[in-house]
Amino acid sequence: MLCNSCCLIFVPAEYHLTPDEEKQRYSLHQNSGDNKQYVTYLSKIADEVLDLADLPLTICDFGSGKEHVLTDILSSRGATCQAHDPLYGMVAQRHGEFDIIVACESFEHFRNPRHDLDLMGRLLKPAGFVYVRTRLHDEVEDISAWWYAKDPTHISFFCGKTMETVAEVLGKRIVMTNGRDTVVIGP
C-alpha cells in the first residue's frame, strides 16, 4: 500500500510475520561478531556515526538485533551505547538522553512507523541526530520485483519524500543523504 501524502510503501498488517516467525527469519542471518564482512560493514557505519559529533556521546542502537554488534563496536570506540530491540527484550528507557539514534537496517522492519518515530523523538536529546540506514525506493520502478521487498520481514519502504516527513515528525531536518540508503536527520 502507498501513503499518498508521504509516499511510504507498506505491507498491510495481515501479511506481517508473527514475532516468532520474524525471529526464525533473523536466525538465518549471520549478523554476529564472528562474521568479518558484517563487522567491516558496521565498522564503516560506526565511523560515519561517530563523525556526527564529538565524544563523549550517548547512542541508542535502535533495532540492534539479538547480537547487537554495532552497539559493541560503538562502545569499543568510546561511546556510551545502548541496544534497543524489543523483539529481543532490549528496550531503551533513557528518554531525552541520547545524542544519536542509529537505525541501521531497521526502518524497513517498522510495523508502526509513527509509533517508532514518536519513541525516537522521546529518546533523543533536542540537539540530537538520527542516522538511518535503509534502502530508499526513489528509483525503484516495480516494488514487487525489488530484491529488498522480497524479504518478508521488510514491511515499510521509505523514499526521499518519506524521510522528509520523518524529519518533520522528529522536529528536525535532513542534514545529509546519499539518496540511496543513508539519511542523517538533525537539528
N, C-alpha and C. Protein backbone atom coordinates (compact mmCIF):
# COMPACT_ATOMS: atom_id res chain seq x y z
N MET A 1 0.84 -1.17 0.00
CA MET A 1 0.00 0.00 0.00
C MET A 1 0.89 1.24 0.00
N LEU A 2 0.35 2.32 -0.49
CA LEU A 2 1.10 3.57 -0.62
C LEU A 2 0.40 4.68 0.17
N CYS A 3 1.17 5.40 0.98
CA CYS A 3 0.65 6.59 1.64
C CYS A 3 0.74 7.73 0.64
N ASN A 4 -0.40 8.31 0.30
CA ASN A 4 -0.43 9.36 -0.71
C ASN A 4 0.25 10.65 -0.27
N SER A 5 0.36 10.89 1.04
CA SER A 5 0.96 12.14 1.49
C SER A 5 2.48 12.06 1.62
N CYS A 6 3.04 10.93 2.03
CA CYS A 6 4.49 10.87 2.25
C CYS A 6 5.20 9.83 1.39
N CYS A 7 4.44 9.05 0.63
CA CYS A 7 4.99 8.02 -0.27
C CYS A 7 5.61 6.82 0.44
N LEU A 8 5.28 6.62 1.71
CA LEU A 8 5.68 5.39 2.38
C LEU A 8 4.94 4.24 1.70
N ILE A 9 5.65 3.21 1.38
CA ILE A 9 5.03 1.98 0.88
C ILE A 9 5.10 0.98 2.02
N PHE A 10 3.95 0.36 2.33
CA PHE A 10 3.94 -0.54 3.47
C PHE A 10 3.09 -1.77 3.17
N VAL A 11 3.45 -2.83 3.85
CA VAL A 11 2.72 -4.09 3.74
C VAL A 11 1.62 -4.07 4.79
N PRO A 12 0.37 -4.35 4.41
CA PRO A 12 -0.73 -4.36 5.39
C PRO A 12 -0.47 -5.38 6.50
N ALA A 13 -0.95 -5.06 7.70
CA ALA A 13 -0.68 -5.85 8.90
C ALA A 13 -1.04 -7.32 8.76
N GLU A 14 -2.07 -7.62 8.01
CA GLU A 14 -2.47 -9.04 7.90
C GLU A 14 -1.43 -9.90 7.19
N TYR A 15 -0.45 -9.27 6.55
CA TYR A 15 0.61 -10.02 5.87
C TYR A 15 1.93 -10.01 6.64
N HIS A 16 1.95 -9.41 7.82
CA HIS A 16 3.17 -9.39 8.62
C HIS A 16 3.43 -10.76 9.23
N LEU A 17 4.69 -11.10 9.37
CA LEU A 17 5.06 -12.31 10.09
C LEU A 17 4.74 -12.11 11.57
N THR A 18 4.54 -13.20 12.28
CA THR A 18 4.41 -13.11 13.73
C THR A 18 5.80 -12.84 14.30
N PRO A 19 5.88 -12.36 15.54
CA PRO A 19 7.20 -12.16 16.14
C PRO A 19 8.07 -13.43 16.13
N ASP A 20 7.46 -14.59 16.38
CA ASP A 20 8.24 -15.84 16.36
C ASP A 20 8.74 -16.15 14.94
N GLU A 21 7.90 -15.93 13.94
CA GLU A 21 8.32 -16.15 12.56
C GLU A 21 9.43 -15.17 12.17
N GLU A 22 9.31 -13.95 12.68
CA GLU A 22 10.33 -12.94 12.41
C GLU A 22 11.67 -13.36 13.02
N LYS A 23 11.65 -13.83 14.26
CA LYS A 23 12.88 -14.30 14.91
C LYS A 23 13.49 -15.47 14.14
N GLN A 24 12.64 -16.38 13.66
CA GLN A 24 13.15 -17.51 12.88
C GLN A 24 13.87 -17.02 11.62
N ARG A 25 13.30 -16.04 10.96
CA ARG A 25 13.90 -15.47 9.76
C ARG A 25 15.25 -14.82 10.09
N TYR A 26 15.29 -14.06 11.20
CA TYR A 26 16.53 -13.40 11.60
C TYR A 26 17.61 -14.40 11.97
N SER A 27 17.19 -15.55 12.48
CA SER A 27 18.19 -16.56 12.87
C SER A 27 18.94 -17.12 11.65
N LEU A 28 18.40 -16.89 10.46
CA LEU A 28 19.09 -17.32 9.23
C LEU A 28 20.22 -16.37 8.84
N HIS A 29 20.17 -15.13 9.36
CA HIS A 29 21.21 -14.15 9.08
C HIS A 29 22.47 -14.50 9.86
N GLN A 30 23.59 -14.10 9.35
CA GLN A 30 24.85 -14.31 10.07
C GLN A 30 25.34 -12.98 10.61
N ASN A 31 24.48 -12.31 11.36
CA ASN A 31 24.78 -11.00 11.90
C ASN A 31 25.40 -11.12 13.29
N SER A 32 26.64 -11.59 13.31
CA SER A 32 27.33 -11.76 14.59
C SER A 32 28.73 -11.15 14.49
N GLY A 33 29.35 -11.02 15.64
CA GLY A 33 30.71 -10.51 15.70
C GLY A 33 31.72 -11.44 15.06
N ASP A 34 31.32 -12.67 14.78
CA ASP A 34 32.21 -13.64 14.13
C ASP A 34 32.23 -13.48 12.61
N ASN A 35 31.29 -12.75 12.06
CA ASN A 35 31.19 -12.55 10.61
C ASN A 35 32.01 -11.30 10.25
N LYS A 36 33.19 -11.53 9.70
CA LYS A 36 34.12 -10.42 9.42
C LYS A 36 33.54 -9.41 8.43
N GLN A 37 32.81 -9.87 7.42
CA GLN A 37 32.20 -8.94 6.47
C GLN A 37 31.16 -8.05 7.15
N TYR A 38 30.38 -8.63 8.02
CA TYR A 38 29.36 -7.88 8.74
C TYR A 38 30.01 -6.85 9.67
N VAL A 39 31.07 -7.25 10.36
CA VAL A 39 31.77 -6.33 11.26
C VAL A 39 32.41 -5.20 10.47
N THR A 40 32.97 -5.50 9.30
CA THR A 40 33.56 -4.46 8.45
C THR A 40 32.49 -3.48 8.01
N TYR A 41 31.34 -3.98 7.58
CA TYR A 41 30.21 -3.14 7.17
C TYR A 41 29.78 -2.23 8.31
N LEU A 42 29.59 -2.80 9.49
CA LEU A 42 29.14 -2.00 10.63
C LEU A 42 30.22 -1.04 11.13
N SER A 43 31.48 -1.40 10.96
CA SER A 43 32.58 -0.51 11.37
C SER A 43 32.58 0.76 10.53
N LYS A 44 32.26 0.64 9.25
CA LYS A 44 32.16 1.83 8.39
C LYS A 44 30.99 2.71 8.83
N ILE A 45 29.90 2.09 9.21
CA ILE A 45 28.75 2.84 9.71
C ILE A 45 29.12 3.52 11.03
N ALA A 46 29.83 2.82 11.90
CA ALA A 46 30.26 3.42 13.16
C ALA A 46 31.13 4.64 12.90
N ASP A 47 32.01 4.57 11.91
CA ASP A 47 32.84 5.74 11.54
C ASP A 47 31.95 6.93 11.19
N GLU A 48 30.94 6.69 10.35
CA GLU A 48 30.04 7.77 9.93
C GLU A 48 29.26 8.33 11.12
N VAL A 49 28.79 7.47 11.99
CA VAL A 49 28.02 7.89 13.16
C VAL A 49 28.90 8.73 14.09
N LEU A 50 30.10 8.27 14.35
CA LEU A 50 30.97 8.98 15.28
C LEU A 50 31.49 10.30 14.71
N ASP A 51 31.39 10.47 13.39
CA ASP A 51 31.76 11.75 12.77
C ASP A 51 30.69 12.83 12.97
N LEU A 52 29.51 12.44 13.44
CA LEU A 52 28.41 13.40 13.60
C LEU A 52 28.65 14.37 14.77
N ALA A 53 29.34 13.92 15.80
CA ALA A 53 29.55 14.75 16.98
C ALA A 53 30.78 14.25 17.72
N ASP A 54 31.27 15.07 18.62
CA ASP A 54 32.45 14.70 19.40
C ASP A 54 32.08 13.84 20.60
N LEU A 55 33.00 12.95 20.96
CA LEU A 55 32.84 12.17 22.18
C LEU A 55 32.95 13.11 23.37
N PRO A 56 32.35 12.83 24.49
CA PRO A 56 31.57 11.64 24.79
C PRO A 56 30.17 11.72 24.19
N LEU A 57 29.68 10.59 23.75
CA LEU A 57 28.36 10.50 23.14
C LEU A 57 27.55 9.39 23.79
N THR A 58 26.25 9.62 23.86
CA THR A 58 25.32 8.56 24.23
C THR A 58 24.56 8.20 22.95
N ILE A 59 24.57 6.92 22.63
CA ILE A 59 23.99 6.45 21.37
C ILE A 59 23.02 5.32 21.66
N CYS A 60 21.90 5.34 20.96
CA CYS A 60 20.93 4.25 21.02
C CYS A 60 20.98 3.52 19.69
N ASP A 61 21.27 2.23 19.73
CA ASP A 61 21.28 1.37 18.54
C ASP A 61 19.86 0.82 18.40
N PHE A 62 19.04 1.52 17.63
CA PHE A 62 17.60 1.27 17.53
C PHE A 62 17.34 0.16 16.52
N GLY A 63 16.95 -1.02 17.02
CA GLY A 63 16.77 -2.18 16.15
C GLY A 63 18.08 -2.95 16.05
N SER A 64 18.74 -3.08 17.17
CA SER A 64 20.09 -3.62 17.23
C SER A 64 20.23 -5.08 16.83
N GLY A 65 19.16 -5.82 16.94
CA GLY A 65 19.25 -7.26 16.70
C GLY A 65 19.76 -7.97 17.95
N LYS A 66 19.61 -9.26 17.94
CA LYS A 66 19.95 -10.09 19.10
C LYS A 66 21.41 -9.95 19.50
N GLU A 67 22.30 -9.89 18.52
CA GLU A 67 23.74 -9.87 18.80
C GLU A 67 24.28 -8.47 19.07
N HIS A 68 23.52 -7.43 18.77
CA HIS A 68 23.87 -6.01 18.97
C HIS A 68 25.35 -5.71 18.67
N VAL A 69 25.79 -6.11 17.49
CA VAL A 69 27.19 -5.95 17.09
C VAL A 69 27.57 -4.48 16.95
N LEU A 70 26.70 -3.67 16.35
CA LEU A 70 27.00 -2.25 16.21
C LEU A 70 27.10 -1.58 17.58
N THR A 71 26.26 -1.95 18.50
CA THR A 71 26.34 -1.42 19.87
C THR A 71 27.72 -1.68 20.44
N ASP A 72 28.20 -2.90 20.27
CA ASP A 72 29.52 -3.27 20.80
C ASP A 72 30.64 -2.50 20.11
N ILE A 73 30.54 -2.32 18.80
CA ILE A 73 31.57 -1.57 18.07
C ILE A 73 31.61 -0.13 18.55
N LEU A 74 30.46 0.52 18.64
CA LEU A 74 30.40 1.91 19.09
C LEU A 74 30.91 2.04 20.53
N SER A 75 30.55 1.11 21.38
CA SER A 75 31.02 1.12 22.77
C SER A 75 32.53 0.98 22.82
N SER A 76 33.09 0.11 21.99
CA SER A 76 34.53 -0.10 21.99
C SER A 76 35.30 1.13 21.51
N ARG A 77 34.59 2.04 20.85
CA ARG A 77 35.22 3.27 20.34
C ARG A 77 34.97 4.48 21.24
N GLY A 78 34.45 4.23 22.43
CA GLY A 78 34.34 5.30 23.42
C GLY A 78 32.96 5.89 23.63
N ALA A 79 31.98 5.47 22.88
CA ALA A 79 30.62 5.97 23.08
C ALA A 79 29.91 5.14 24.15
N THR A 80 28.97 5.76 24.81
CA THR A 80 28.08 5.01 25.70
C THR A 80 26.90 4.61 24.82
N CYS A 81 26.79 3.34 24.55
CA CYS A 81 25.81 2.87 23.57
C CYS A 81 24.88 1.83 24.20
N GLN A 82 23.59 1.99 23.92
CA GLN A 82 22.59 1.05 24.44
C GLN A 82 21.86 0.40 23.28
N ALA A 83 21.73 -0.90 23.33
CA ALA A 83 20.95 -1.64 22.33
C ALA A 83 19.46 -1.46 22.62
N HIS A 84 18.70 -1.35 21.53
CA HIS A 84 17.24 -1.27 21.65
C HIS A 84 16.65 -2.20 20.60
N ASP A 85 16.04 -3.27 21.04
CA ASP A 85 15.34 -4.18 20.13
C ASP A 85 14.31 -4.94 20.94
N PRO A 86 13.07 -4.42 20.98
CA PRO A 86 12.03 -5.05 21.79
C PRO A 86 11.77 -6.51 21.43
N LEU A 87 12.03 -6.89 20.18
CA LEU A 87 11.83 -8.28 19.78
C LEU A 87 12.70 -9.22 20.62
N TYR A 88 13.84 -8.70 21.09
CA TYR A 88 14.77 -9.50 21.90
C TYR A 88 14.83 -9.01 23.35
N GLY A 89 13.83 -8.24 23.78
CA GLY A 89 13.74 -7.83 25.17
C GLY A 89 14.67 -6.69 25.57
N MET A 90 15.26 -5.99 24.61
CA MET A 90 16.14 -4.86 24.93
C MET A 90 15.39 -3.57 24.61
N VAL A 91 15.12 -2.79 25.65
CA VAL A 91 14.31 -1.58 25.47
C VAL A 91 15.03 -0.39 26.08
N ALA A 92 15.30 0.62 25.26
CA ALA A 92 15.91 1.86 25.75
C ALA A 92 14.89 2.62 26.58
N GLN A 93 15.30 3.08 27.74
CA GLN A 93 14.38 3.75 28.65
C GLN A 93 14.80 5.18 28.97
N ARG A 94 15.99 5.58 28.53
CA ARG A 94 16.54 6.87 28.93
C ARG A 94 16.02 7.98 28.02
N HIS A 95 14.83 8.44 28.27
CA HIS A 95 14.21 9.47 27.44
C HIS A 95 14.98 10.77 27.52
N GLY A 96 15.22 11.38 26.35
CA GLY A 96 15.90 12.66 26.26
C GLY A 96 17.37 12.61 26.56
N GLU A 97 17.98 11.44 26.51
CA GLU A 97 19.39 11.32 26.89
C GLU A 97 20.32 10.91 25.76
N PHE A 98 19.81 10.64 24.58
CA PHE A 98 20.69 10.15 23.51
C PHE A 98 21.08 11.28 22.57
N ASP A 99 22.39 11.36 22.30
CA ASP A 99 22.91 12.32 21.33
C ASP A 99 22.62 11.86 19.91
N ILE A 100 22.66 10.55 19.73
CA ILE A 100 22.46 9.96 18.39
C ILE A 100 21.64 8.69 18.53
N ILE A 101 20.69 8.54 17.63
CA ILE A 101 20.00 7.26 17.47
C ILE A 101 20.43 6.70 16.13
N VAL A 102 20.92 5.48 16.14
CA VAL A 102 21.32 4.80 14.92
C VAL A 102 20.25 3.76 14.61
N ALA A 103 19.67 3.86 13.42
CA ALA A 103 18.69 2.87 12.97
C ALA A 103 19.26 2.23 11.72
N CYS A 104 20.09 1.24 11.93
CA CYS A 104 20.80 0.57 10.84
C CYS A 104 20.02 -0.66 10.39
N GLU A 105 19.44 -0.56 9.22
CA GLU A 105 18.65 -1.67 8.66
C GLU A 105 17.51 -2.04 9.60
N SER A 106 16.81 -1.02 10.11
CA SER A 106 15.67 -1.30 10.98
C SER A 106 14.39 -0.60 10.53
N PHE A 107 14.47 0.53 9.84
CA PHE A 107 13.25 1.23 9.40
C PHE A 107 12.36 0.32 8.56
N GLU A 108 12.95 -0.52 7.74
CA GLU A 108 12.16 -1.38 6.86
C GLU A 108 11.38 -2.45 7.63
N HIS A 109 11.70 -2.62 8.91
CA HIS A 109 11.01 -3.60 9.76
C HIS A 109 9.91 -2.97 10.61
N PHE A 110 9.75 -1.65 10.55
CA PHE A 110 8.78 -0.98 11.40
C PHE A 110 7.35 -1.41 11.07
N ARG A 111 6.67 -1.95 12.07
CA ARG A 111 5.26 -2.33 11.92
C ARG A 111 4.36 -1.11 12.02
N ASN A 112 4.77 -0.17 12.85
CA ASN A 112 4.02 1.06 13.06
C ASN A 112 5.03 2.21 13.08
N PRO A 113 5.41 2.71 11.90
CA PRO A 113 6.46 3.73 11.84
C PRO A 113 6.21 4.94 12.74
N ARG A 114 4.98 5.41 12.83
CA ARG A 114 4.71 6.59 13.66
C ARG A 114 5.02 6.31 15.13
N HIS A 115 4.67 5.13 15.59
CA HIS A 115 4.97 4.74 16.98
C HIS A 115 6.48 4.75 17.21
N ASP A 116 7.25 4.15 16.29
CA ASP A 116 8.70 4.10 16.44
C ASP A 116 9.32 5.49 16.35
N LEU A 117 8.81 6.33 15.47
CA LEU A 117 9.33 7.70 15.36
C LEU A 117 9.02 8.51 16.61
N ASP A 118 7.84 8.34 17.15
CA ASP A 118 7.49 9.03 18.40
C ASP A 118 8.43 8.61 19.53
N LEU A 119 8.74 7.32 19.60
CA LEU A 119 9.67 6.83 20.61
C LEU A 119 11.06 7.44 20.38
N MET A 120 11.51 7.46 19.14
CA MET A 120 12.81 8.09 18.85
C MET A 120 12.82 9.54 19.32
N GLY A 121 11.75 10.24 19.04
CA GLY A 121 11.67 11.64 19.45
C GLY A 121 11.78 11.80 20.96
N ARG A 122 11.22 10.86 21.71
CA ARG A 122 11.31 10.92 23.18
C ARG A 122 12.70 10.56 23.68
N LEU A 123 13.37 9.64 23.00
CA LEU A 123 14.69 9.18 23.43
C LEU A 123 15.80 10.19 23.12
N LEU A 124 15.61 10.96 22.07
CA LEU A 124 16.66 11.83 21.53
C LEU A 124 16.74 13.16 22.28
N LYS A 125 17.97 13.63 22.49
CA LYS A 125 18.18 14.98 23.01
C LYS A 125 17.71 15.98 21.96
N PRO A 126 17.29 17.18 22.37
CA PRO A 126 16.82 18.17 21.39
C PRO A 126 17.82 18.47 20.27
N ALA A 127 19.10 18.46 20.57
CA ALA A 127 20.12 18.74 19.55
C ALA A 127 20.68 17.46 18.94
N GLY A 128 19.97 16.34 19.11
CA GLY A 128 20.47 15.05 18.67
C GLY A 128 20.25 14.76 17.20
N PHE A 129 20.90 13.69 16.75
CA PHE A 129 20.84 13.23 15.37
C PHE A 129 20.22 11.84 15.30
N VAL A 130 19.61 11.55 14.15
CA VAL A 130 19.16 10.19 13.84
C VAL A 130 19.87 9.78 12.55
N TYR A 131 20.62 8.70 12.65
CA TYR A 131 21.33 8.15 11.50
C TYR A 131 20.52 6.95 11.01
N VAL A 132 20.03 7.02 9.77
CA VAL A 132 19.18 5.96 9.22
C VAL A 132 19.89 5.28 8.08
N ARG A 133 19.90 3.96 8.13
CA ARG A 133 20.43 3.16 7.03
C ARG A 133 19.31 2.22 6.60
N THR A 134 18.72 2.48 5.43
CA THR A 134 17.69 1.63 4.85
C THR A 134 17.67 1.93 3.35
N ARG A 135 17.32 0.99 2.55
CA ARG A 135 17.24 1.23 1.10
C ARG A 135 16.04 2.12 0.80
N LEU A 136 16.27 3.16 0.01
CA LEU A 136 15.20 4.07 -0.39
C LEU A 136 14.63 3.62 -1.72
N HIS A 137 13.34 3.79 -1.90
CA HIS A 137 12.68 3.27 -3.10
C HIS A 137 12.51 4.32 -4.21
N ASP A 138 13.19 5.46 -4.11
CA ASP A 138 13.00 6.54 -5.09
C ASP A 138 13.13 6.10 -6.54
N GLU A 139 14.08 5.23 -6.84
CA GLU A 139 14.34 4.85 -8.22
C GLU A 139 13.83 3.45 -8.57
N VAL A 140 13.04 2.86 -7.67
CA VAL A 140 12.52 1.52 -7.91
C VAL A 140 11.24 1.64 -8.72
N GLU A 141 11.18 0.95 -9.84
CA GLU A 141 10.01 1.01 -10.71
C GLU A 141 8.94 -0.01 -10.35
N ASP A 142 9.37 -1.18 -9.89
CA ASP A 142 8.42 -2.24 -9.55
C ASP A 142 8.77 -2.79 -8.17
N ILE A 143 8.06 -2.31 -7.16
CA ILE A 143 8.35 -2.72 -5.78
C ILE A 143 8.24 -4.23 -5.63
N SER A 144 7.25 -4.84 -6.27
CA SER A 144 7.06 -6.29 -6.11
C SER A 144 8.24 -7.11 -6.64
N ALA A 145 9.01 -6.54 -7.54
CA ALA A 145 10.17 -7.25 -8.09
C ALA A 145 11.49 -6.83 -7.42
N TRP A 146 11.44 -5.84 -6.55
CA TRP A 146 12.63 -5.30 -5.89
C TRP A 146 13.18 -6.30 -4.89
N TRP A 147 14.46 -6.59 -4.97
CA TRP A 147 15.09 -7.57 -4.09
C TRP A 147 14.88 -7.22 -2.61
N TYR A 148 14.86 -5.95 -2.28
CA TYR A 148 14.73 -5.52 -0.89
C TYR A 148 13.33 -5.84 -0.34
N ALA A 149 12.36 -5.86 -1.20
CA ALA A 149 10.98 -6.16 -0.79
C ALA A 149 10.72 -7.66 -0.72
N LYS A 150 11.66 -8.46 -1.18
CA LYS A 150 11.47 -9.92 -1.17
C LYS A 150 11.63 -10.50 0.24
N ASP A 151 12.32 -9.80 1.12
CA ASP A 151 12.48 -10.27 2.50
C ASP A 151 11.14 -10.06 3.22
N PRO A 152 10.52 -11.13 3.73
CA PRO A 152 9.20 -10.98 4.35
C PRO A 152 9.21 -10.17 5.65
N THR A 153 10.39 -9.89 6.20
CA THR A 153 10.46 -9.04 7.40
C THR A 153 10.52 -7.57 7.03
N HIS A 154 10.73 -7.26 5.75
CA HIS A 154 10.75 -5.88 5.27
C HIS A 154 9.33 -5.48 4.92
N ILE A 155 8.76 -4.57 5.70
CA ILE A 155 7.34 -4.25 5.55
C ILE A 155 7.06 -2.76 5.40
N SER A 156 8.10 -1.92 5.53
CA SER A 156 7.94 -0.47 5.36
C SER A 156 9.07 0.04 4.49
N PHE A 157 8.71 0.75 3.42
CA PHE A 157 9.71 1.20 2.45
C PHE A 157 9.63 2.71 2.30
N PHE A 158 10.76 3.35 2.52
CA PHE A 158 10.85 4.80 2.58
C PHE A 158 11.52 5.33 1.31
N CYS A 159 11.27 6.60 1.02
CA CYS A 159 11.93 7.29 -0.08
C CYS A 159 12.34 8.67 0.44
N GLY A 160 12.91 9.49 -0.42
CA GLY A 160 13.32 10.82 -0.01
C GLY A 160 12.20 11.63 0.60
N LYS A 161 11.03 11.60 -0.04
CA LYS A 161 9.88 12.36 0.47
C LYS A 161 9.44 11.82 1.83
N THR A 162 9.46 10.51 2.00
CA THR A 162 9.08 9.92 3.28
C THR A 162 10.06 10.36 4.36
N MET A 163 11.34 10.40 4.02
CA MET A 163 12.35 10.79 5.00
C MET A 163 12.20 12.26 5.39
N GLU A 164 11.74 13.10 4.48
CA GLU A 164 11.46 14.50 4.83
C GLU A 164 10.34 14.54 5.87
N THR A 165 9.33 13.69 5.69
CA THR A 165 8.24 13.61 6.67
C THR A 165 8.75 13.09 8.00
N VAL A 166 9.64 12.10 7.96
CA VAL A 166 10.24 11.57 9.19
C VAL A 166 10.94 12.71 9.94
N ALA A 167 11.72 13.50 9.23
CA ALA A 167 12.43 14.62 9.85
C ALA A 167 11.44 15.61 10.48
N GLU A 168 10.35 15.90 9.78
CA GLU A 168 9.33 16.82 10.31
C GLU A 168 8.70 16.26 11.59
N VAL A 169 8.38 14.97 11.57
CA VAL A 169 7.78 14.33 12.75
C VAL A 169 8.72 14.46 13.95
N LEU A 170 10.03 14.36 13.69
CA LEU A 170 11.02 14.47 14.76
C LEU A 170 11.36 15.91 15.11
N GLY A 171 10.76 16.86 14.38
CA GLY A 171 11.06 18.26 14.63
C GLY A 171 12.46 18.65 14.19
N LYS A 172 12.94 18.00 13.14
CA LYS A 172 14.30 18.20 12.67
C LYS A 172 14.31 18.34 11.15
N ARG A 173 15.48 18.25 10.56
CA ARG A 173 15.63 18.35 9.11
C ARG A 173 16.66 17.33 8.64
N ILE A 174 16.63 17.04 7.36
CA ILE A 174 17.65 16.16 6.78
C ILE A 174 18.92 16.98 6.62
N VAL A 175 20.00 16.50 7.24
CA VAL A 175 21.28 17.20 7.14
C VAL A 175 22.23 16.53 6.16
N MET A 176 21.93 15.27 5.78
CA MET A 176 22.74 14.56 4.80
C MET A 176 21.96 13.36 4.28
N THR A 177 22.08 13.11 2.99
CA THR A 177 21.56 11.88 2.42
C THR A 177 22.38 11.56 1.19
N ASN A 178 22.56 10.28 0.92
CA ASN A 178 23.21 9.89 -0.33
C ASN A 178 22.17 9.51 -1.37
N GLY A 179 20.86 9.59 -1.00
CA GLY A 179 19.78 9.32 -1.93
C GLY A 179 19.54 7.86 -2.23
N ARG A 180 20.34 6.97 -1.63
CA ARG A 180 20.21 5.52 -1.86
C ARG A 180 19.84 4.75 -0.62
N ASP A 181 20.65 4.96 0.44
CA ASP A 181 20.45 4.11 1.62
C ASP A 181 20.87 4.75 2.95
N THR A 182 21.27 6.00 2.92
CA THR A 182 21.70 6.66 4.14
C THR A 182 21.08 8.04 4.26
N VAL A 183 20.51 8.32 5.42
CA VAL A 183 19.92 9.63 5.70
C VAL A 183 20.31 10.00 7.13
N VAL A 184 20.78 11.23 7.30
CA VAL A 184 21.07 11.74 8.63
C VAL A 184 20.11 12.90 8.89
N ILE A 185 19.42 12.81 10.00
CA ILE A 185 18.43 13.80 10.40
C ILE A 185 18.98 14.49 11.65
N GLY A 186 18.91 15.80 11.67
CA GLY A 186 19.45 16.52 12.82
C GLY A 186 18.85 17.88 12.99
N PRO A 187 19.44 18.64 13.91
CA PRO A 187 18.92 19.97 14.23
C PRO A 187 19.11 20.96 13.07
